[in-house]
Structures are given as C-alpha cells and as structure tokens.
Amino acid sequence: MARKPVLSTDKLKDLGADKLAQLVLEEAERNAGFRRQAKAALAGKSGPEAIAKLIDRRLSGLARAKSFIEWDKARAFTEDLRSLTDTITAELGPAAPALAIDRLLRFIATHEQVFERVDDSSGRVQDVYYQAIHATGDLAPSLLVPEADALPEKIMTALGESTHGYLANVTEAVAAHLPQDSLARWDGDLKDAIAERQAEDAARKSDGWFYSMTSQWAAMRQILASARGDLDLLIALELKKKPHMQDTLGIAEQLLEIGRSAEALEWVRKSGRRTFDEADDGLSPERVSLEARILDATGDRSAAQVLRWRCFKARPSADILREHLKQLPDFEDIEAEDRAHAFALEMAEPEVALQFFLDWPRLDLAAKLITTHPHRWDGGDWHILPKVAGLLEHDHPLAATILYRALLDNILDRARSKAYGHGAKYLGKLGLLAGEVDPIRPGGMVDHATYLAKLKTAHPRKSGFWARVGDGEPKAPQASGARRPVWIKDDG
C-alpha cells in the first residue's frame, strides 16, 4: 500500500510558486477567514501601516455590527474573531508592537457589545478575548520606553469604564513590563479617579444597587502596587476592603516571603474571605499550611506541629501530614505516619478518609476502608467511584466489587436510563471479578450469581438495561442485519 504524502514546508516548496498560489487562491475563495489572512499577508509586503489599515477596517465593522448571531453561526463568528486577533499578533505584532497593541485594545473594547450579540454559554468567545489580553502582555516587553510610558493612558481610554472586568486583566498583563515612573503616575491617576467617582456616587440618589468602577480601579491599584514592589501600599489598599473580602492569606504569604513573620501571623489569623465550601473553624489545609510555616519562621516549631496535627484530625490532608512528618526526627516519622493512618481508618466520615488514602497514596488502606464500611458508599458519586474501583480492581478485587455494586444499584434503583451503558460495563466487571471475590467475600455479602439473580428479580422490566447484557456480561455491539452490496470484479 502506498504511503500517504506527509505535508511539510520543504515538500510544499517543491510544488513551486505557481501551484502554491493556485492552491491558496482556491482555499481563499472557499474560506473567508483564510482569505482575510491571505490579504493581511499581502498587505504586509507594503509595511505595517498597510496591515494596520486592513485590521482597522475589520475592527470598525465589528464595532458597528448590531445584529444577533444565531446559534448555527456562532462557531464561525468565533473563528472570525480568532482570525482577527491572530492577524494582529502574527502579522502586525512582530513588525510594529505598538500598533498591534493599539488594535488589540480596540478589539478588547468591543467585548460588551459582542457579548450582547451572541450566546456565549460555551465560553469560546470569551476565550478569544482572554487570548487578546494575554497577547497584549506578550507584546508589551517589545515596546520602546516612550511607547510603554503612553500605554496606561491608552488602556484607560479604551477600557476605563468597562464593567466586565477586562480592564484589571489587561492591567495585570502589562504592569510588569512598564517603567516604574509610568506605574507610579498611573497609580496616582487611579487614586484621583477613585476619589472623584466616590464623591459622585455619594451624591447619587438611588433606590437600589448600582455598579461603581471604583472597585475595579482599586483592584488595579493593588496590581500596580505589586508590580512596583510596594507591599505597604498593597496592604493599605487591602485594609480598605470589608473584612470578609480581604485576601488575608495572600497578604500573609507576601509578608512571610520578605521576613515580616509577626505581621504575617496576624494576617493569616484574620477571618478574611473563604472559599465556598471552607468551614469557619480556621483549619482549612491551605490556611493551616501557611500559618504553620509562619510559626516555623518565628521559631515556634512546636506550635506549628500541634497546629498541623489538629488540622489533620479535623480533615485528613495528605499535604498537611507530609509537612508534619517532614519536621519530625528520623524514625519518629514512621510511628507518626502509622498513627495518622490508624486515625483515618477510624474516622466517622470514611468518605473523607478514602480521599486521603488515595492522595497519600495507600490503596491497600483505601481498600480496607471500603470493605470495613461496605454499605457506606453512594453509587451516585459516579464522578469519583468508577475511577477508584478501577484503581483497586487488580490488587483489591473485593473493594472494587463493593464499589461497582453500589454504582450499578444506584443506576437501576433510580432507573437512570442514560447510564445503562455504564451499568452494563459495571456488571461485566463484576462478572470478571467474581472468580476472585466469591471465595473471600465476607459473610454478609452474597456471591455474584445470587447478586445477579436479585437484580433480575428486582428490575425485570428494565429492558433498556438487560438488552445491553447477556448472562451477566455486556453484549458486544451487534452488526447490522441489513444486506450489504457485494462488489464483483469485472475482468472483462
């Protein structure tokens, strides 16, 4: 059989200029996005100003457009946006980074009206805008000093009143590449703008909630403070936030890095903002890990170890235990590890302990936990248990069987017809494991044949499921019974 030709630059060159030009022209006639890229490449022969002029026409058209993009055209619209940003970064960026950044800012400024025109529940359009923001940051180091100095004003002109949040994103992308004087001046302008807007907001008569740009501008000031290395200003701005909005861990981390451990300890112990599922006992592993490191830095290692162990007992964490063991002398860490494992096995919440043993990892103890609590596992945890069962199949078939049965029972008990295919797969797994599991199963657990018989008795009318299995084994996909044409070679 002849090998298929592989495309490469050298092989395409062998086609010759005429053939390549013909192929490009034909593709440009079929593909609007490719046609625009080809035009931009041709314009590049005349210099960056010609490319910029071509891009400006597309940006103007995008800014003027008002019609809604129907769902069946949304993907093509997204690709058109991506083609536009690719042209800016690939064709204009290398030749004239300042001109490219100007066009990227114009593009980013269209986001609010574009989101009004298209259903972006998939997030694809938003991804294009984030790519444009990152591209702006990538081009910023190539700017000459006067161009970099002028960039803050350009950003504020294009996005200064944007409520979507991209203003802060752009600031973060470029701040590290701007001169210190520019950052200081930008911060001063933002400070004045915040004071002026706060006065306007205070005088505004409103019966309800309204959005103010001051919060976004304040976030930008913190970004600039970080870029300038001004931690005291960063802290002062953080203190202006409401207590439950303060990034206490972030401030504590930065204070620890520069050796201000006493202040770091104060910040890490503040309540601050929390994640959605974080308890209010102050014992989240992330918080405890940082506080313990701060205590170590202050020389109070015993308090750090007590805190780590208290956190582990509250919610077993592999990371916290590793940090705890790392601080112990040789041989003592082995005893402490065994004690931690024994504690996890006796926990009132085996689900938490299971995750710990998987993270450690100790699959043998995970299996022991499962077999110790055979009725505890919720087959509705389909996003976790199949993976766990798969990890345990080879060396711990009994634990895997318990999980597969829980998953299958949940599917059938709830008549989750869309999951019948998965259920058939689980039943097949159970059949394969039965030879090893039946001889070692505990007294309260029925063998596979009895389990299968009970399934058939309890769910006789779930034909959608049983059609996928034979005698306890998944059926292979059946070939179509339709006759296929038979081709006869005609040698005549």
Protein backbone atom coordinates (compact mmCIF):
# COMPACT_ATOMS: atom_id res chain seq x y z
CA MET A 1 0.00 0.00 0.00
CA ALA A 2 1.38 3.39 -0.98
CA ARG A 3 2.21 5.71 1.89
CA LYS A 4 0.16 8.87 2.20
CA PRO A 5 2.13 12.04 1.48
CA VAL A 6 3.10 14.00 4.59
CA LEU A 7 2.84 17.78 4.46
CA SER A 8 5.95 19.74 5.32
CA THR A 9 7.40 23.11 4.41
CA ASP A 10 10.07 21.58 2.19
CA LYS A 11 7.61 19.39 0.30
CA LEU A 12 5.24 22.30 -0.25
CA LYS A 13 8.12 24.36 -1.63
CA ASP A 14 8.73 21.60 -4.15
CA LEU A 15 5.29 22.30 -5.62
CA GLY A 16 6.54 25.60 -6.96
CA ALA A 17 5.20 29.13 -6.58
CA ASP A 18 2.56 28.83 -9.30
CA LYS A 19 0.95 25.71 -7.86
CA LEU A 20 1.02 27.07 -4.32
CA ALA A 21 -0.52 30.35 -5.46
CA GLN A 22 -3.31 28.42 -7.16
CA LEU A 23 -4.00 26.37 -4.02
CA VAL A 24 -4.03 29.50 -1.85
CA LEU A 25 -6.41 31.25 -4.21
CA GLU A 26 -8.80 28.29 -4.28
CA GLU A 27 -8.81 27.99 -0.49
CA ALA A 28 -9.31 31.76 -0.12
CA GLU A 29 -12.42 31.51 -2.30
CA ARG A 30 -13.85 28.79 -0.04
CA ASN A 31 -12.70 30.07 3.37
CA ALA A 32 -13.44 33.68 4.38
CA GLY A 33 -11.12 33.56 7.38
CA PHE A 34 -8.24 32.25 5.30
CA ARG A 35 -8.97 34.89 2.67
CA ARG A 36 -8.56 37.64 5.27
CA GLN A 37 -5.29 36.13 6.49
CA ALA A 38 -4.01 35.96 2.93
CA LYS A 39 -4.92 39.60 2.36
CA ALA A 40 -3.13 40.59 5.58
CA ALA A 41 -0.02 38.70 4.48
CA LEU A 42 -0.10 40.51 1.13
CA ALA A 43 -0.60 43.84 2.88
CA GLY A 44 2.47 43.07 4.98
CA LYS A 45 4.58 43.40 1.86
CA SER A 46 3.77 47.12 1.94
CA GLY A 47 4.73 47.57 5.60
CA PRO A 48 2.96 47.52 9.00
CA GLU A 49 0.81 50.56 8.21
CA ALA A 50 -0.87 48.65 5.40
CA ILE A 51 -1.62 45.72 7.72
CA ALA A 52 -2.93 48.12 10.35
CA LYS A 53 -5.24 49.74 7.80
CA LEU A 54 -6.66 46.35 6.85
CA ILE A 55 -7.18 45.43 10.50
CA ASP A 56 -8.81 48.79 11.22
CA ARG A 57 -11.48 48.10 8.62
CA ARG A 58 -12.35 44.81 10.30
CA LEU A 59 -12.38 46.41 13.76
CA SER A 60 -14.65 49.20 12.55
CA GLY A 61 -17.04 46.66 11.09
CA LEU A 62 -17.06 44.70 14.35
CA ALA A 63 -17.76 47.86 16.35
CA ARG A 64 -20.65 48.87 14.07
CA ALA A 65 -22.35 45.48 13.94
CA LYS A 66 -25.59 45.16 15.91
CA SER A 67 -27.35 42.04 14.61
CA PHE A 68 -27.68 38.95 16.79
CA ILE A 69 -25.57 35.93 15.84
CA GLU A 70 -27.75 32.84 15.51
CA TRP A 71 -26.58 29.67 17.23
CA ASP A 72 -25.69 27.89 13.99
CA LYS A 73 -23.37 30.74 13.01
CA ALA A 74 -21.79 31.29 16.43
CA ARG A 75 -18.83 28.97 15.81
CA ALA A 76 -17.97 30.65 12.51
CA PHE A 77 -18.28 34.05 14.19
CA THR A 78 -15.89 32.94 16.94
CA GLU A 79 -13.38 31.71 14.39
CA ASP A 80 -13.63 35.04 12.59
CA LEU A 81 -12.79 36.84 15.84
CA ARG A 82 -9.88 34.49 16.41
CA SER A 83 -8.65 35.09 12.87
CA LEU A 84 -8.71 38.83 13.55
CA THR A 85 -6.62 38.56 16.72
CA ASP A 86 -4.24 36.11 15.03
CA THR A 87 -3.69 38.62 12.24
CA ILE A 88 -2.93 41.35 14.77
CA THR A 89 -0.46 39.26 16.75
CA ALA A 90 1.16 37.26 13.95
CA GLU A 91 1.27 39.78 11.11
CA LEU A 92 1.35 43.20 12.79
CA GLY A 93 2.87 42.36 16.18
CA PRO A 94 6.40 41.41 15.06
CA ALA A 95 6.67 44.43 12.75
CA ALA A 96 5.08 47.12 14.94
CA PRO A 97 4.20 46.03 18.51
CA ALA A 98 2.83 49.46 19.46
CA LEU A 99 0.41 49.44 16.52
CA ALA A 100 -0.56 45.85 17.36
CA ILE A 101 -1.32 46.70 20.99
CA ASP A 102 -3.45 49.65 19.88
CA ARG A 103 -5.52 47.26 17.74
CA LEU A 104 -5.73 44.65 20.47
CA LEU A 105 -7.09 47.26 22.87
CA ARG A 106 -9.66 48.30 20.26
CA PHE A 107 -10.64 44.67 19.88
CA ILE A 108 -10.91 44.05 23.63
CA ALA A 109 -13.06 47.17 23.94
CA THR A 110 -15.71 45.54 21.72
CA HIS A 111 -16.39 42.76 24.23
CA GLU A 112 -19.51 44.19 25.85
CA GLN A 113 -21.41 44.73 22.61
CA VAL A 114 -20.19 41.41 21.20
CA PHE A 115 -21.50 39.54 24.24
CA GLU A 116 -24.85 41.21 23.63
CA ARG A 117 -24.91 39.77 20.11
CA VAL A 118 -24.04 36.12 20.74
CA ASP A 119 -24.91 33.36 23.20
CA ASP A 120 -21.50 32.51 24.63
CA SER A 121 -22.57 29.86 27.13
CA SER A 122 -19.72 27.70 25.80
CA GLY A 123 -17.16 30.38 26.69
CA ARG A 124 -15.49 30.22 23.27
CA VAL A 125 -15.89 33.92 22.51
CA GLN A 126 -14.64 34.87 25.96
CA ASP A 127 -11.57 32.71 25.35
CA VAL A 128 -10.74 34.80 22.28
CA TYR A 129 -10.83 37.97 24.38
CA TYR A 130 -8.62 36.41 27.04
CA GLN A 131 -6.17 35.40 24.32
CA ALA A 132 -6.12 39.02 23.13
CA ILE A 133 -5.40 40.16 26.69
CA HIS A 134 -2.51 37.70 27.02
CA ALA A 135 -1.21 38.77 23.62
CA THR A 136 -1.17 42.37 24.83
CA GLY A 137 1.02 41.34 27.74
CA ASP A 138 3.29 39.33 25.43
CA LEU A 139 3.84 42.33 23.15
CA ALA A 140 4.38 44.87 25.95
CA PRO A 141 8.08 44.00 26.53
CA SER A 142 8.79 44.90 22.88
CA LEU A 143 7.62 48.49 23.30
CA LEU A 144 10.08 51.35 23.28
CA VAL A 145 10.21 53.34 26.53
CA PRO A 146 8.07 56.25 25.22
CA GLU A 147 5.53 53.75 23.86
CA ALA A 148 5.39 51.88 27.17
CA ASP A 149 5.02 55.16 29.02
CA ALA A 150 1.97 56.03 26.93
CA LEU A 151 0.31 52.63 27.35
CA PRO A 152 -1.60 53.31 30.64
CA GLU A 153 -3.42 56.25 29.08
CA LYS A 154 -4.33 54.15 26.04
CA ILE A 155 -5.66 51.38 28.27
CA MET A 156 -7.80 53.78 30.28
CA THR A 157 -9.12 55.43 27.12
CA ALA A 158 -10.14 52.10 25.62
CA LEU A 159 -11.34 50.27 28.74
CA GLY A 160 -11.51 52.76 31.61
CA GLU A 161 -15.28 52.39 32.05
CA SER A 162 -15.55 48.71 31.14
CA THR A 163 -17.61 46.88 33.75
CA HIS A 164 -16.86 43.35 32.56
CA GLY A 165 -13.52 43.12 34.38
CA TYR A 166 -11.14 43.03 31.42
CA LEU A 167 -9.62 46.35 32.49
CA ALA A 168 -7.99 44.74 35.53
CA ASN A 169 -6.95 41.73 33.43
CA VAL A 170 -5.17 43.95 30.91
CA THR A 171 -3.51 45.87 33.73
CA GLU A 172 -2.18 42.65 35.21
CA ALA A 173 -0.92 41.52 31.80
CA VAL A 174 1.16 44.65 31.14
CA ALA A 175 2.10 46.02 34.58
CA ALA A 176 5.32 44.04 34.93
CA HIS A 177 6.63 45.46 31.64
CA LEU A 178 6.07 49.17 32.28
CA PRO A 179 8.60 51.69 33.65
CA GLN A 180 8.36 52.41 37.36
CA ASP A 181 7.61 56.08 36.72
CA SER A 182 4.71 55.10 34.48
CA LEU A 183 3.32 52.78 37.14
CA ALA A 184 3.55 55.49 39.80
CA ARG A 185 1.81 58.03 37.59
CA TRP A 186 -0.89 55.52 36.65
CA ASP A 187 -1.48 54.75 40.33
CA GLY A 188 -1.80 58.45 41.12
CA ASP A 189 -4.32 58.94 38.32
CA LEU A 190 -6.36 55.99 39.59
CA LYS A 191 -6.28 57.32 43.14
CA ASP A 192 -7.64 60.67 41.97
CA ALA A 193 -10.26 58.99 39.77
CA ILE A 194 -11.47 56.85 42.68
CA ALA A 195 -11.83 59.86 44.98
CA GLU A 196 -13.74 61.78 42.32
CA ARG A 197 -16.04 58.88 41.48
CA GLN A 198 -16.73 58.12 45.14
CA ALA A 199 -17.87 61.72 45.61
CA GLU A 200 -20.16 61.37 42.59
CA ASP A 201 -21.54 58.06 43.87
CA ALA A 202 -22.22 59.55 47.30
CA ALA A 203 -24.23 62.35 45.72
CA ARG A 204 -26.20 59.97 43.52
CA LYS A 205 -29.77 59.29 44.55
CA SER A 206 -30.52 55.63 44.10
CA ASP A 207 -33.20 53.33 45.42
CA GLY A 208 -31.17 50.19 44.77
CA TRP A 209 -27.82 48.69 43.82
CA PHE A 210 -25.61 50.23 41.16
CA TYR A 211 -22.18 49.32 39.86
CA SER A 212 -19.24 51.61 40.53
CA MET A 213 -15.91 51.43 38.72
CA THR A 214 -14.11 52.26 41.96
CA SER A 215 -13.83 48.60 42.99
CA GLN A 216 -12.14 47.67 39.71
CA TRP A 217 -9.87 50.70 39.84
CA ALA A 218 -8.90 49.80 43.41
CA ALA A 219 -8.02 46.28 42.27
CA MET A 220 -5.85 47.83 39.57
CA ARG A 221 -4.04 49.91 42.18
CA GLN A 222 -3.17 46.71 44.01
CA ILE A 223 -1.87 45.16 40.80
CA LEU A 224 0.30 48.22 40.25
CA ALA A 225 1.49 48.16 43.86
CA SER A 226 2.63 44.55 43.41
CA ALA A 227 4.43 45.45 40.18
CA ARG A 228 6.18 48.30 41.99
CA GLY A 229 7.10 46.07 44.93
CA ASP A 230 5.21 48.35 47.32
CA LEU A 231 3.79 45.85 49.80
CA ASP A 232 2.81 48.51 52.32
CA LEU A 233 0.58 50.20 49.75
CA LEU A 234 -0.86 46.82 48.81
CA ILE A 235 -1.72 46.18 52.47
CA ALA A 236 -3.19 49.65 52.94
CA LEU A 237 -5.48 49.08 49.97
CA GLU A 238 -6.45 45.63 51.26
CA LEU A 239 -7.43 47.11 54.62
CA LYS A 240 -9.94 49.35 52.87
CA LYS A 241 -11.95 46.30 51.84
CA LYS A 242 -14.63 44.79 54.01
CA PRO A 243 -13.16 42.10 56.30
CA HIS A 244 -14.86 39.19 54.54
CA MET A 245 -13.42 40.38 51.20
CA GLN A 246 -9.80 40.66 52.30
CA ASP A 247 -7.22 38.29 50.83
CA THR A 248 -5.64 37.56 54.18
CA LEU A 249 -3.70 34.51 53.01
CA GLY A 250 -2.24 36.33 50.02
CA ILE A 251 -1.02 39.20 52.18
CA ALA A 252 0.36 36.81 54.80
CA GLU A 253 2.25 34.87 52.13
CA GLN A 254 3.91 38.01 50.81
CA LEU A 255 4.82 39.21 54.29
CA LEU A 256 6.38 35.84 55.06
CA GLU A 257 8.45 35.97 51.87
CA ILE A 258 10.15 39.21 52.95
CA GLY A 259 10.69 38.09 56.54
CA ARG A 260 7.93 40.07 58.27
CA SER A 261 6.74 36.99 60.14
CA ALA A 262 4.97 38.71 63.03
CA GLU A 263 2.75 40.71 60.67
CA ALA A 264 2.22 37.62 58.54
CA LEU A 265 0.94 35.74 61.60
CA GLU A 266 -1.59 38.49 62.29
CA TRP A 267 -2.88 38.38 58.73
CA VAL A 268 -3.12 34.61 58.44
CA ARG A 269 -5.24 34.50 61.60
CA LYS A 270 -7.75 37.03 60.31
CA SER A 271 -11.05 35.64 59.07
CA GLY A 272 -10.80 37.11 55.57
CA ARG A 273 -12.50 35.66 52.53
CA ARG A 274 -13.14 31.95 52.27
CA THR A 275 -13.90 29.51 49.53
CA PHE A 276 -17.49 28.37 49.13
CA ASP A 277 -17.04 25.06 50.97
CA GLU A 278 -14.50 26.20 53.58
CA ALA A 279 -15.57 25.77 57.20
CA ASP A 280 -15.23 28.67 59.62
CA ASP A 281 -13.03 26.78 62.10
CA GLY A 282 -9.82 28.18 60.61
CA LEU A 283 -8.50 24.68 59.91
CA SER A 284 -8.54 24.54 56.13
CA PRO A 285 -5.34 22.80 54.96
CA GLU A 286 -4.29 25.82 52.89
CA ARG A 287 -4.64 28.19 55.82
CA VAL A 288 -3.00 25.82 58.31
CA SER A 289 -0.09 25.09 55.99
CA LEU A 290 0.69 28.79 55.70
CA GLU A 291 0.23 29.53 59.40
CA ALA A 292 2.46 26.61 60.36
CA ARG A 293 5.20 27.84 58.02
CA ILE A 294 4.93 31.27 59.60
CA LEU A 295 5.19 29.74 63.08
CA ASP A 296 8.27 27.83 61.93
CA ALA A 297 9.77 31.11 60.72
CA THR A 298 9.15 32.72 64.12
CA GLY A 299 10.89 29.79 65.82
CA ASP A 300 7.76 28.31 67.40
CA ARG A 301 8.08 24.89 65.77
CA SER A 302 6.18 23.05 68.49
CA ALA A 303 3.10 25.23 67.96
CA ALA A 304 3.39 24.66 64.22
CA GLN A 305 3.39 20.88 64.70
CA VAL A 306 0.45 21.00 67.09
CA LEU A 307 -1.49 23.04 64.54
CA ARG A 308 -0.70 20.64 61.70
CA TRP A 309 -1.83 17.61 63.70
CA ARG A 310 -5.00 19.37 64.83
CA CYS A 311 -5.79 20.17 61.21
CA PHE A 312 -5.16 16.58 60.15
CA LYS A 313 -7.53 15.27 62.79
CA ALA A 314 -10.21 17.72 61.68
CA ARG A 315 -9.91 16.91 57.96
CA PRO A 316 -7.19 14.46 56.92
CA SER A 317 -4.97 16.02 54.28
CA ALA A 318 -2.05 14.29 52.61
CA ASP A 319 -0.21 17.59 52.19
CA ILE A 320 -0.59 18.55 55.84
CA LEU A 321 0.58 15.12 57.02
CA ARG A 322 3.63 15.29 54.76
CA GLU A 323 4.54 18.68 56.22
CA HIS A 324 4.02 17.32 59.74
CA LEU A 325 6.20 14.25 59.15
CA LYS A 326 8.92 16.30 57.46
CA GLN A 327 9.52 18.19 60.70
CA LEU A 328 9.94 15.05 62.82
CA PRO A 329 13.25 13.35 63.63
CA ASP A 330 14.20 10.12 61.87
CA PHE A 331 12.19 7.05 62.89
CA GLU A 332 9.62 9.17 64.74
CA ASP A 333 8.05 10.00 61.40
CA ILE A 334 7.31 6.31 60.73
CA GLU A 335 5.45 5.94 64.01
CA ALA A 336 3.55 9.19 63.41
CA GLU A 337 2.56 8.06 59.91
CA ASP A 338 1.18 4.78 61.26
CA ARG A 339 -0.75 6.69 63.91
CA ALA A 340 -2.21 9.00 61.27
CA HIS A 341 -3.29 6.07 59.11
CA ALA A 342 -4.91 4.34 62.07
CA PHE A 343 -6.77 7.54 62.92
CA ALA A 344 -8.07 7.90 59.36
CA LEU A 345 -9.32 4.31 59.34
CA GLU A 346 -11.42 5.01 62.42
CA MET A 347 -12.91 8.28 61.17
CA ALA A 348 -16.65 8.83 61.41
CA GLU A 349 -16.61 10.04 57.79
CA PRO A 350 -14.96 7.30 55.73
CA GLU A 351 -15.52 9.26 52.51
CA VAL A 352 -13.02 11.88 53.71
CA ALA A 353 -10.57 9.19 54.79
CA LEU A 354 -10.86 7.47 51.41
CA GLN A 355 -9.75 10.62 49.61
CA PHE A 356 -6.80 10.89 51.99
CA PHE A 357 -5.65 7.34 51.31
CA LEU A 358 -5.96 7.91 47.57
CA ASP A 359 -3.89 11.09 47.81
CA TRP A 360 -1.19 9.57 50.04
CA PRO A 361 -1.37 7.02 48.26
CA ARG A 362 -2.15 3.81 50.18
CA LEU A 363 -4.51 1.77 48.05
CA ASP A 364 -4.35 -1.14 50.48
CA LEU A 365 -5.75 1.05 53.26
CA ALA A 366 -8.29 2.56 50.88
CA ALA A 367 -9.48 -0.98 50.13
CA LYS A 368 -9.57 -1.83 53.83
CA LEU A 369 -11.68 1.27 54.48
CA ILE A 370 -14.14 0.29 51.75
CA THR A 371 -14.53 -3.29 52.94
CA THR A 372 -14.90 -2.13 56.55
CA HIS A 373 -17.82 0.11 55.54
CA PRO A 374 -19.39 -1.83 52.64
CA HIS A 375 -22.77 -0.07 52.81
CA ARG A 376 -21.43 3.47 53.18
CA TRP A 377 -20.62 4.18 49.54
CA ASP A 378 -23.09 6.19 47.47
CA GLY A 379 -23.36 4.95 43.91
CA GLY A 380 -24.50 8.43 42.95
CA ASP A 381 -20.86 9.53 43.22
CA TRP A 382 -20.34 8.43 39.62
CA HIS A 383 -17.69 11.10 39.09
CA ILE A 384 -15.42 9.51 41.75
CA LEU A 385 -16.19 5.86 42.45
CA PRO A 386 -15.59 4.36 38.97
CA LYS A 387 -12.05 5.70 38.97
CA VAL A 388 -11.45 4.41 42.49
CA ALA A 389 -12.84 0.99 41.61
CA GLY A 390 -10.62 0.87 38.54
CA LEU A 391 -7.55 1.57 40.68
CA LEU A 392 -8.46 -1.27 43.05
CA GLU A 393 -9.50 -3.95 40.55
CA HIS A 394 -6.15 -5.65 40.18
CA ASP A 395 -4.91 -5.95 43.76
CA HIS A 396 -8.09 -5.40 45.77
CA PRO A 397 -10.99 -7.02 43.89
CA LEU A 398 -13.30 -7.21 46.91
CA ALA A 399 -13.22 -3.44 47.45
CA ALA A 400 -13.68 -2.86 43.72
CA THR A 401 -16.68 -5.19 43.73
CA ILE A 402 -18.32 -3.27 46.56
CA LEU A 403 -17.98 -0.03 44.62
CA TYR A 404 -19.16 -1.47 41.31
CA ARG A 405 -22.24 -2.94 43.00
CA ALA A 406 -23.01 0.42 44.62
CA LEU A 407 -22.74 2.15 41.25
CA LEU A 408 -24.90 -0.43 39.47
CA ASP A 409 -27.54 -0.48 42.21
CA ASN A 410 -27.84 3.29 42.04
CA ILE A 411 -28.32 3.24 38.27
CA LEU A 412 -31.03 0.59 38.37
CA ASP A 413 -32.80 1.77 41.53
CA ARG A 414 -33.14 5.25 40.06
CA ALA A 415 -33.88 3.99 36.54
CA ARG A 416 -31.15 6.20 35.11
CA SER A 417 -31.65 5.00 31.55
CA LYS A 418 -28.93 7.23 30.12
CA ALA A 419 -26.42 5.41 32.34
CA TYR A 420 -27.49 1.88 31.40
CA GLY A 421 -24.43 1.53 29.20
CA HIS A 422 -22.21 2.25 32.19
CA GLY A 423 -24.28 -0.14 34.28
CA ALA A 424 -23.73 -2.92 31.76
CA LYS A 425 -20.00 -2.25 31.92
CA TYR A 426 -20.04 -2.43 35.73
CA LEU A 427 -21.93 -5.72 35.60
CA GLY A 428 -19.32 -7.07 33.23
CA LYS A 429 -16.58 -6.01 35.65
CA LEU A 430 -18.40 -7.77 38.48
CA GLY A 431 -18.55 -10.96 36.45
CA LEU A 432 -14.82 -10.83 35.79
CA LEU A 433 -14.01 -10.20 39.45
CA ALA A 434 -16.38 -12.85 40.79
CA GLY A 435 -13.86 -15.68 40.49
CA GLU A 436 -11.54 -13.94 42.94
CA VAL A 437 -14.14 -12.29 45.14
CA ASP A 438 -16.65 -15.08 45.81
CA PRO A 439 -14.19 -17.26 47.78
CA ILE A 440 -13.07 -14.36 50.02
CA ARG A 441 -16.32 -12.41 50.42
CA PRO A 442 -17.47 -11.69 53.99
CA GLY A 443 -20.48 -13.46 55.44
CA GLY A 444 -22.93 -10.63 54.86
CA MET A 445 -22.12 -10.34 51.16
CA VAL A 446 -23.83 -12.58 48.59
CA ASP A 447 -21.93 -14.21 45.76
CA HIS A 448 -22.12 -12.94 42.20
CA ALA A 449 -24.71 -15.45 40.99
CA THR A 450 -27.06 -14.56 43.84
CA TYR A 451 -26.47 -10.84 43.30
CA LEU A 452 -27.27 -11.18 39.61
CA ALA A 453 -30.43 -13.17 40.35
CA LYS A 454 -31.59 -10.47 42.76
CA LEU A 455 -31.01 -7.83 40.10
CA LYS A 456 -33.16 -9.74 37.63
CA THR A 457 -35.89 -10.15 40.22
CA ALA A 458 -35.84 -6.52 41.33
CA HIS A 459 -35.57 -4.98 37.85
CA PRO A 460 -37.22 -7.37 35.39
CA ARG A 461 -38.85 -4.63 33.31
CA LYS A 462 -35.76 -2.52 32.67
CA SER A 463 -35.40 -3.87 29.16
CA GLY A 464 -33.17 -0.98 28.15
CA PHE A 465 -30.58 -2.28 30.59
CA TRP A 466 -30.97 -6.02 30.05
CA ALA A 467 -30.77 -5.53 26.30
CA ARG A 468 -27.19 -4.42 26.87
CA VAL A 469 -26.19 -7.53 28.83
CA GLY A 470 -26.34 -11.25 28.27
CA ASP A 471 -25.96 -13.67 31.13
CA GLY A 472 -24.33 -11.12 33.34
CA GLU A 473 -21.91 -9.98 30.63
CA PRO A 474 -22.19 -6.88 28.44
CA LYS A 475 -23.23 -7.61 24.91
CA ALA A 476 -20.90 -6.60 22.14
CA PRO A 477 -22.40 -4.18 19.61
CA GLN A 478 -24.31 -6.17 17.04
CA ALA A 479 -23.62 -5.72 13.37
CA SER A 480 -26.48 -4.51 11.26
CA GLY A 481 -28.61 -7.24 9.76
CA ALA A 482 -29.10 -5.32 6.55
CA ARG A 483 -27.61 -6.91 3.48
CA ARG A 484 -24.59 -5.21 2.05
CA PRO A 485 -23.87 -4.95 -1.66
CA VAL A 486 -21.39 -7.47 -2.98
CA TRP A 487 -18.95 -5.99 -5.44
CA ILE A 488 -17.87 -8.34 -8.21
CA LYS A 489 -14.69 -7.61 -10.04
CA ASP A 490 -15.28 -7.45 -13.75
CA ASP A 491 -12.16 -8.66 -15.50
CA GLY A 492 -13.74 -8.07 -18.81
